[in-house]
Structures are given as C-alpha cells and as structure tokens.
N, C-alpha and C. Protein backbone atom coordinates (compact mmCIF):
# COMPACT_ATOMS: atom_id res chain seq x y z
N MET A 1 -9.78 4.99 -9.06
CA MET A 1 -9.65 6.33 -9.58
C MET A 1 -10.91 6.72 -10.35
N TRP A 2 -11.45 5.76 -11.10
CA TRP A 2 -12.67 6.02 -11.85
C TRP A 2 -13.81 6.42 -10.92
N LEU A 3 -13.96 5.71 -9.81
CA LEU A 3 -15.04 6.03 -8.88
C LEU A 3 -14.85 7.41 -8.27
N LYS A 4 -13.62 7.77 -7.98
CA LYS A 4 -13.36 9.12 -7.48
C LYS A 4 -13.72 10.16 -8.53
N LEU A 5 -13.35 9.89 -9.77
CA LEU A 5 -13.60 10.84 -10.85
C LEU A 5 -15.09 11.09 -11.05
N ILE A 6 -15.90 10.04 -11.09
CA ILE A 6 -17.32 10.23 -11.37
C ILE A 6 -18.12 10.67 -10.15
N SER A 7 -17.54 10.56 -8.95
CA SER A 7 -18.29 10.94 -7.76
C SER A 7 -18.01 12.37 -7.29
N ARG A 8 -16.99 13.01 -7.82
CA ARG A 8 -16.63 14.35 -7.38
C ARG A 8 -17.33 15.42 -8.18
N THR A 9 -17.71 16.47 -7.51
CA THR A 9 -18.29 17.63 -8.17
C THR A 9 -17.15 18.42 -8.81
N PRO A 10 -17.31 18.76 -10.08
CA PRO A 10 -16.25 19.54 -10.75
C PRO A 10 -16.06 20.90 -10.10
N ARG A 11 -14.79 21.32 -10.04
CA ARG A 11 -14.47 22.65 -9.53
C ARG A 11 -14.07 23.54 -10.69
N GLN A 12 -14.51 24.75 -10.65
CA GLN A 12 -14.18 25.68 -11.72
C GLN A 12 -12.77 26.18 -11.52
N PRO A 13 -11.93 26.31 -12.49
CA PRO A 13 -12.13 26.12 -13.92
C PRO A 13 -11.85 24.69 -14.38
N LYS A 14 -11.63 23.76 -13.47
CA LYS A 14 -11.36 22.38 -13.85
C LYS A 14 -12.62 21.69 -14.33
N LYS A 15 -12.42 20.61 -15.08
CA LYS A 15 -13.56 19.82 -15.55
C LYS A 15 -13.84 18.64 -14.62
N HIS A 16 -13.04 18.50 -13.58
CA HIS A 16 -13.22 17.40 -12.62
C HIS A 16 -12.85 17.89 -11.23
N GLY A 17 -13.18 17.08 -10.22
CA GLY A 17 -12.89 17.46 -8.85
C GLY A 17 -11.71 16.73 -8.25
N LEU A 18 -10.89 16.11 -9.08
CA LEU A 18 -9.76 15.34 -8.58
C LEU A 18 -8.59 16.22 -8.19
N GLU A 19 -7.86 15.78 -7.18
CA GLU A 19 -6.64 16.44 -6.74
C GLU A 19 -5.49 15.46 -6.89
N MET A 20 -4.27 15.94 -6.77
CA MET A 20 -3.10 15.08 -6.89
C MET A 20 -3.12 13.98 -5.82
N GLU A 21 -3.61 14.28 -4.63
CA GLU A 21 -3.66 13.30 -3.56
C GLU A 21 -4.57 12.11 -3.88
N ASP A 22 -5.48 12.27 -4.82
CA ASP A 22 -6.35 11.17 -5.20
C ASP A 22 -5.58 10.05 -5.89
N ALA A 23 -4.41 10.34 -6.40
CA ALA A 23 -3.58 9.32 -7.05
C ALA A 23 -2.72 8.57 -6.05
N LEU A 24 -2.79 8.92 -4.78
CA LEU A 24 -2.03 8.20 -3.76
C LEU A 24 -2.80 6.96 -3.34
N TRP A 25 -2.29 5.82 -3.73
CA TRP A 25 -2.93 4.54 -3.40
C TRP A 25 -2.12 3.75 -2.40
N TRP A 26 -1.07 4.32 -1.88
CA TRP A 26 -0.17 3.54 -1.04
C TRP A 26 -0.85 3.02 0.22
N THR A 27 -1.75 3.80 0.79
CA THR A 27 -2.42 3.31 2.00
C THR A 27 -3.28 2.10 1.70
N ASP A 28 -3.97 2.11 0.58
CA ASP A 28 -4.80 0.97 0.19
C ASP A 28 -3.94 -0.28 -0.02
N TRP A 29 -2.78 -0.09 -0.63
CA TRP A 29 -1.92 -1.23 -0.94
C TRP A 29 -1.27 -1.82 0.31
N VAL A 30 -0.92 -0.97 1.28
CA VAL A 30 -0.35 -1.48 2.53
C VAL A 30 -1.42 -2.26 3.30
N ILE A 31 -2.63 -1.76 3.32
CA ILE A 31 -3.72 -2.49 3.99
C ILE A 31 -4.01 -3.80 3.26
N ALA A 32 -4.03 -3.78 1.94
CA ALA A 32 -4.24 -5.01 1.17
C ALA A 32 -3.13 -6.02 1.45
N ALA A 33 -1.91 -5.54 1.59
CA ALA A 33 -0.78 -6.43 1.92
C ALA A 33 -0.99 -7.09 3.27
N SER A 34 -1.50 -6.34 4.23
CA SER A 34 -1.78 -6.91 5.55
C SER A 34 -2.80 -8.03 5.47
N PHE A 35 -3.88 -7.77 4.76
CA PHE A 35 -4.90 -8.80 4.61
C PHE A 35 -4.38 -10.01 3.85
N ALA A 36 -3.56 -9.78 2.83
CA ALA A 36 -3.01 -10.88 2.04
C ALA A 36 -2.11 -11.76 2.90
N LEU A 37 -1.23 -11.14 3.68
CA LEU A 37 -0.32 -11.91 4.52
C LEU A 37 -1.05 -12.65 5.62
N VAL A 38 -1.91 -11.95 6.33
CA VAL A 38 -2.66 -12.58 7.42
C VAL A 38 -3.57 -13.68 6.89
N GLY A 39 -4.22 -13.42 5.77
CA GLY A 39 -5.09 -14.45 5.19
C GLY A 39 -4.34 -15.70 4.79
N SER A 40 -3.18 -15.54 4.18
CA SER A 40 -2.42 -16.73 3.78
C SER A 40 -1.87 -17.47 4.99
N LEU A 41 -1.50 -16.76 6.05
CA LEU A 41 -1.01 -17.43 7.25
C LEU A 41 -2.13 -18.18 7.97
N ILE A 42 -3.31 -17.59 8.02
CA ILE A 42 -4.44 -18.28 8.64
C ILE A 42 -4.81 -19.52 7.84
N ALA A 43 -4.84 -19.40 6.54
CA ALA A 43 -5.16 -20.56 5.70
C ALA A 43 -4.10 -21.64 5.83
N ALA A 44 -2.84 -21.25 5.92
CA ALA A 44 -1.76 -22.23 6.09
C ALA A 44 -1.85 -22.91 7.44
N ALA A 45 -2.24 -22.17 8.46
CA ALA A 45 -2.38 -22.75 9.80
C ALA A 45 -3.50 -23.79 9.85
N ARG A 46 -4.52 -23.59 9.04
CA ARG A 46 -5.64 -24.53 9.01
C ARG A 46 -5.34 -25.76 8.17
N ALA A 47 -4.44 -25.63 7.21
CA ALA A 47 -4.10 -26.76 6.33
C ALA A 47 -2.94 -27.54 6.96
N GLU A 48 -3.05 -28.84 6.94
CA GLU A 48 -2.02 -29.66 7.57
C GLU A 48 -0.78 -29.82 6.72
N ASP A 49 -0.90 -29.70 5.41
CA ASP A 49 0.23 -29.98 4.54
C ASP A 49 0.94 -28.73 4.03
N LYS A 50 0.66 -27.58 4.61
CA LYS A 50 1.28 -26.33 4.17
C LYS A 50 2.39 -25.91 5.13
N ASP A 51 3.55 -25.65 4.56
CA ASP A 51 4.66 -25.13 5.35
C ASP A 51 4.72 -23.62 5.20
N VAL A 52 4.96 -22.95 6.31
CA VAL A 52 5.07 -21.50 6.28
C VAL A 52 6.55 -21.15 6.19
N PRO A 53 6.95 -20.46 5.12
CA PRO A 53 8.36 -20.07 4.95
C PRO A 53 8.71 -18.92 5.90
N VAL A 54 9.31 -19.25 7.01
CA VAL A 54 9.57 -18.26 8.06
C VAL A 54 10.39 -17.06 7.55
N PRO A 55 11.49 -17.26 6.81
CA PRO A 55 12.24 -16.07 6.37
C PRO A 55 11.41 -15.13 5.49
N GLN A 56 10.63 -15.70 4.61
CA GLN A 56 9.84 -14.86 3.72
C GLN A 56 8.72 -14.14 4.49
N VAL A 57 8.14 -14.80 5.46
CA VAL A 57 7.10 -14.16 6.26
C VAL A 57 7.70 -13.04 7.11
N VAL A 58 8.91 -13.26 7.62
CA VAL A 58 9.58 -12.21 8.40
C VAL A 58 9.85 -10.99 7.52
N VAL A 59 10.31 -11.21 6.30
CA VAL A 59 10.56 -10.09 5.37
C VAL A 59 9.25 -9.36 5.09
N ALA A 60 8.17 -10.10 4.85
CA ALA A 60 6.88 -9.47 4.58
C ALA A 60 6.39 -8.69 5.81
N ALA A 61 6.59 -9.24 7.00
CA ALA A 61 6.18 -8.55 8.21
C ALA A 61 7.00 -7.27 8.41
N LEU A 62 8.29 -7.33 8.11
CA LEU A 62 9.12 -6.12 8.19
C LEU A 62 8.68 -5.08 7.17
N ALA A 63 8.31 -5.54 5.99
CA ALA A 63 7.80 -4.62 4.97
C ALA A 63 6.51 -3.95 5.44
N LEU A 64 5.66 -4.73 6.09
CA LEU A 64 4.43 -4.14 6.63
C LEU A 64 4.73 -3.14 7.74
N PHE A 65 5.74 -3.44 8.55
CA PHE A 65 6.15 -2.49 9.59
C PHE A 65 6.57 -1.16 8.95
N VAL A 66 7.32 -1.24 7.87
CA VAL A 66 7.72 -0.03 7.16
C VAL A 66 6.49 0.70 6.64
N GLY A 67 5.54 -0.04 6.08
CA GLY A 67 4.34 0.57 5.52
C GLY A 67 3.44 1.21 6.55
N PHE A 68 3.43 0.67 7.76
CA PHE A 68 2.54 1.20 8.79
C PHE A 68 3.21 2.20 9.72
N SER A 69 4.54 2.30 9.72
CA SER A 69 5.19 3.21 10.66
C SER A 69 6.18 4.15 9.98
N VAL A 70 7.17 3.62 9.32
CA VAL A 70 8.22 4.45 8.74
C VAL A 70 7.67 5.29 7.58
N MET A 71 6.91 4.66 6.71
CA MET A 71 6.44 5.34 5.51
C MET A 71 5.53 6.54 5.81
N PRO A 72 4.52 6.42 6.66
CA PRO A 72 3.67 7.59 6.92
C PRO A 72 4.43 8.77 7.51
N PHE A 73 5.30 8.48 8.48
CA PHE A 73 6.05 9.58 9.09
C PHE A 73 7.07 10.16 8.12
N GLY A 74 7.72 9.30 7.35
CA GLY A 74 8.68 9.79 6.36
C GLY A 74 8.03 10.65 5.31
N LEU A 75 6.88 10.22 4.81
CA LEU A 75 6.17 11.03 3.82
C LEU A 75 5.73 12.36 4.40
N ARG A 76 5.27 12.34 5.62
CA ARG A 76 4.83 13.59 6.25
C ARG A 76 6.00 14.56 6.37
N MET A 77 7.18 14.05 6.64
CA MET A 77 8.35 14.91 6.84
C MET A 77 8.90 15.47 5.53
N VAL A 78 8.87 14.68 4.44
CA VAL A 78 9.56 15.11 3.23
C VAL A 78 8.66 15.35 2.02
N ALA A 79 7.50 14.71 1.95
CA ALA A 79 6.70 14.76 0.72
C ALA A 79 5.55 15.75 0.76
N TYR A 80 5.25 16.29 1.94
CA TYR A 80 4.11 17.18 2.06
C TYR A 80 4.54 18.60 2.42
N THR A 81 3.78 19.56 1.94
CA THR A 81 4.03 20.95 2.27
C THR A 81 3.42 21.27 3.63
N GLN A 82 3.60 22.50 4.08
CA GLN A 82 3.05 22.91 5.37
C GLN A 82 1.53 22.91 5.40
N ASN A 83 0.89 23.06 4.23
CA ASN A 83 -0.58 23.05 4.19
C ASN A 83 -1.14 21.68 3.83
N ALA A 84 -0.35 20.62 4.08
CA ALA A 84 -0.77 19.22 3.94
C ALA A 84 -1.11 18.82 2.52
N LYS A 85 -0.44 19.40 1.54
CA LYS A 85 -0.58 18.99 0.14
C LYS A 85 0.71 18.31 -0.29
N ILE A 86 0.56 17.25 -1.07
CA ILE A 86 1.77 16.58 -1.55
C ILE A 86 2.51 17.50 -2.51
N LYS A 87 3.84 17.47 -2.44
CA LYS A 87 4.64 18.45 -3.18
C LYS A 87 4.56 18.30 -4.69
N ASN A 88 4.74 17.09 -5.20
CA ASN A 88 4.72 16.91 -6.66
C ASN A 88 4.44 15.46 -7.02
N TRP A 89 4.35 15.20 -8.32
CA TRP A 89 4.01 13.87 -8.81
C TRP A 89 5.10 12.85 -8.52
N TRP A 90 6.34 13.30 -8.36
CA TRP A 90 7.41 12.38 -8.05
C TRP A 90 7.12 11.66 -6.74
N TRP A 91 6.63 12.39 -5.74
CA TRP A 91 6.32 11.79 -4.44
C TRP A 91 5.14 10.83 -4.53
N VAL A 92 4.18 11.15 -5.38
CA VAL A 92 3.05 10.22 -5.60
C VAL A 92 3.59 8.90 -6.15
N GLY A 93 4.44 8.96 -7.17
CA GLY A 93 5.03 7.76 -7.75
C GLY A 93 5.90 7.00 -6.78
N ALA A 94 6.69 7.72 -6.00
CA ALA A 94 7.58 7.07 -5.03
C ALA A 94 6.77 6.35 -3.94
N ALA A 95 5.76 7.01 -3.41
CA ALA A 95 4.94 6.39 -2.36
C ALA A 95 4.21 5.17 -2.89
N ASN A 96 3.60 5.29 -4.07
CA ASN A 96 2.90 4.15 -4.66
C ASN A 96 3.88 3.04 -5.03
N GLY A 97 5.08 3.39 -5.48
CA GLY A 97 6.07 2.38 -5.82
C GLY A 97 6.53 1.58 -4.62
N VAL A 98 6.83 2.25 -3.52
CA VAL A 98 7.23 1.55 -2.30
C VAL A 98 6.09 0.67 -1.79
N ALA A 99 4.88 1.19 -1.82
CA ALA A 99 3.73 0.42 -1.36
C ALA A 99 3.49 -0.80 -2.24
N SER A 100 3.75 -0.69 -3.54
CA SER A 100 3.58 -1.85 -4.41
C SER A 100 4.60 -2.93 -4.06
N LEU A 101 5.80 -2.54 -3.64
CA LEU A 101 6.79 -3.52 -3.20
C LEU A 101 6.36 -4.20 -1.90
N ILE A 102 5.74 -3.44 -1.02
CA ILE A 102 5.22 -4.02 0.23
C ILE A 102 4.13 -5.03 -0.09
N LEU A 103 3.23 -4.67 -0.98
CA LEU A 103 2.16 -5.59 -1.38
C LEU A 103 2.74 -6.83 -2.05
N LEU A 104 3.71 -6.65 -2.92
CA LEU A 104 4.33 -7.79 -3.59
C LEU A 104 5.03 -8.72 -2.62
N SER A 105 5.63 -8.19 -1.57
CA SER A 105 6.29 -9.05 -0.59
C SER A 105 5.28 -9.91 0.16
N ALA A 106 4.13 -9.33 0.49
CA ALA A 106 3.09 -10.11 1.17
C ALA A 106 2.50 -11.16 0.24
N VAL A 107 2.28 -10.80 -1.00
CA VAL A 107 1.74 -11.76 -1.97
C VAL A 107 2.75 -12.87 -2.23
N ALA A 108 4.03 -12.52 -2.32
CA ALA A 108 5.07 -13.53 -2.54
C ALA A 108 5.14 -14.53 -1.39
N ALA A 109 4.95 -14.03 -0.17
CA ALA A 109 4.92 -14.95 0.98
C ALA A 109 3.73 -15.90 0.87
N GLY A 110 2.59 -15.38 0.46
CA GLY A 110 1.41 -16.23 0.28
C GLY A 110 1.60 -17.26 -0.82
N VAL A 111 2.24 -16.85 -1.90
CA VAL A 111 2.52 -17.76 -3.01
C VAL A 111 3.48 -18.86 -2.55
N LYS A 112 4.44 -18.47 -1.74
CA LYS A 112 5.40 -19.46 -1.23
C LYS A 112 4.70 -20.51 -0.36
N VAL A 113 3.72 -20.08 0.38
CA VAL A 113 2.95 -21.02 1.21
C VAL A 113 2.20 -22.02 0.32
N TYR A 114 1.60 -21.51 -0.73
CA TYR A 114 0.76 -22.36 -1.58
C TYR A 114 1.50 -22.91 -2.78
N GLY A 115 2.80 -22.51 -2.96
CA GLY A 115 3.63 -22.89 -4.09
C GLY A 115 3.40 -24.24 -4.56
C-alpha cells in the first residue's frame, strides 16, 4: 500500500491518488497461497523423510480452486458496480478476509509437511 501511495500522482481535490480498489489484496494473497502450497509440495517431494498430509493438501487445493474460480466470478457479480468499481469497504474487507483464509490454508498445509 505504501508503494502505491508514494507512486501515484495526487488527484485534485484529494491529497493522494489512491482508490478503494487499491486496498484489494485478495489476488496477491491467492497467488501467494499457490506458490506456498506448490513450493512446500515440491520441497516435500525432494525430501525423503517428509510425509505429505493428503487431507490437508486437498483442502488447500480446494481453497485455491475457490480463489481462482469462484471468488473472481462471485465478486464480479455482487461486489462491483456496472462501471467496474467496488461498491463499498465491506466488500474490500470480505474479499481480503476470504483470501487470507485461502493463504492460511496453504501455509497450514506447508507447516504440516514440515511440522
């Protein structure tokens, strides 16, 4: 957020160039969850003494499926106006909250591997 703030040209009458959509981090968190899960599975595959918890990995993979398919379409249908602006701060919090759960599920699967 800091980098966005200092890199944007201020718009009048605002003192900054940030928009409400700049607070949407859910896409970053879903992508980070993908890298976290894939990275831990690759590392576990290379290590001989690591067991991969199949149920937890399945849950994390399902969470990623939600993040990459259900969530974008659902947000487009209910959280955005006709001119492609997010409706209000509640939707920003909801999208980021769901994405944080997706990220936590991938991290939890990785922790279970290395537990």
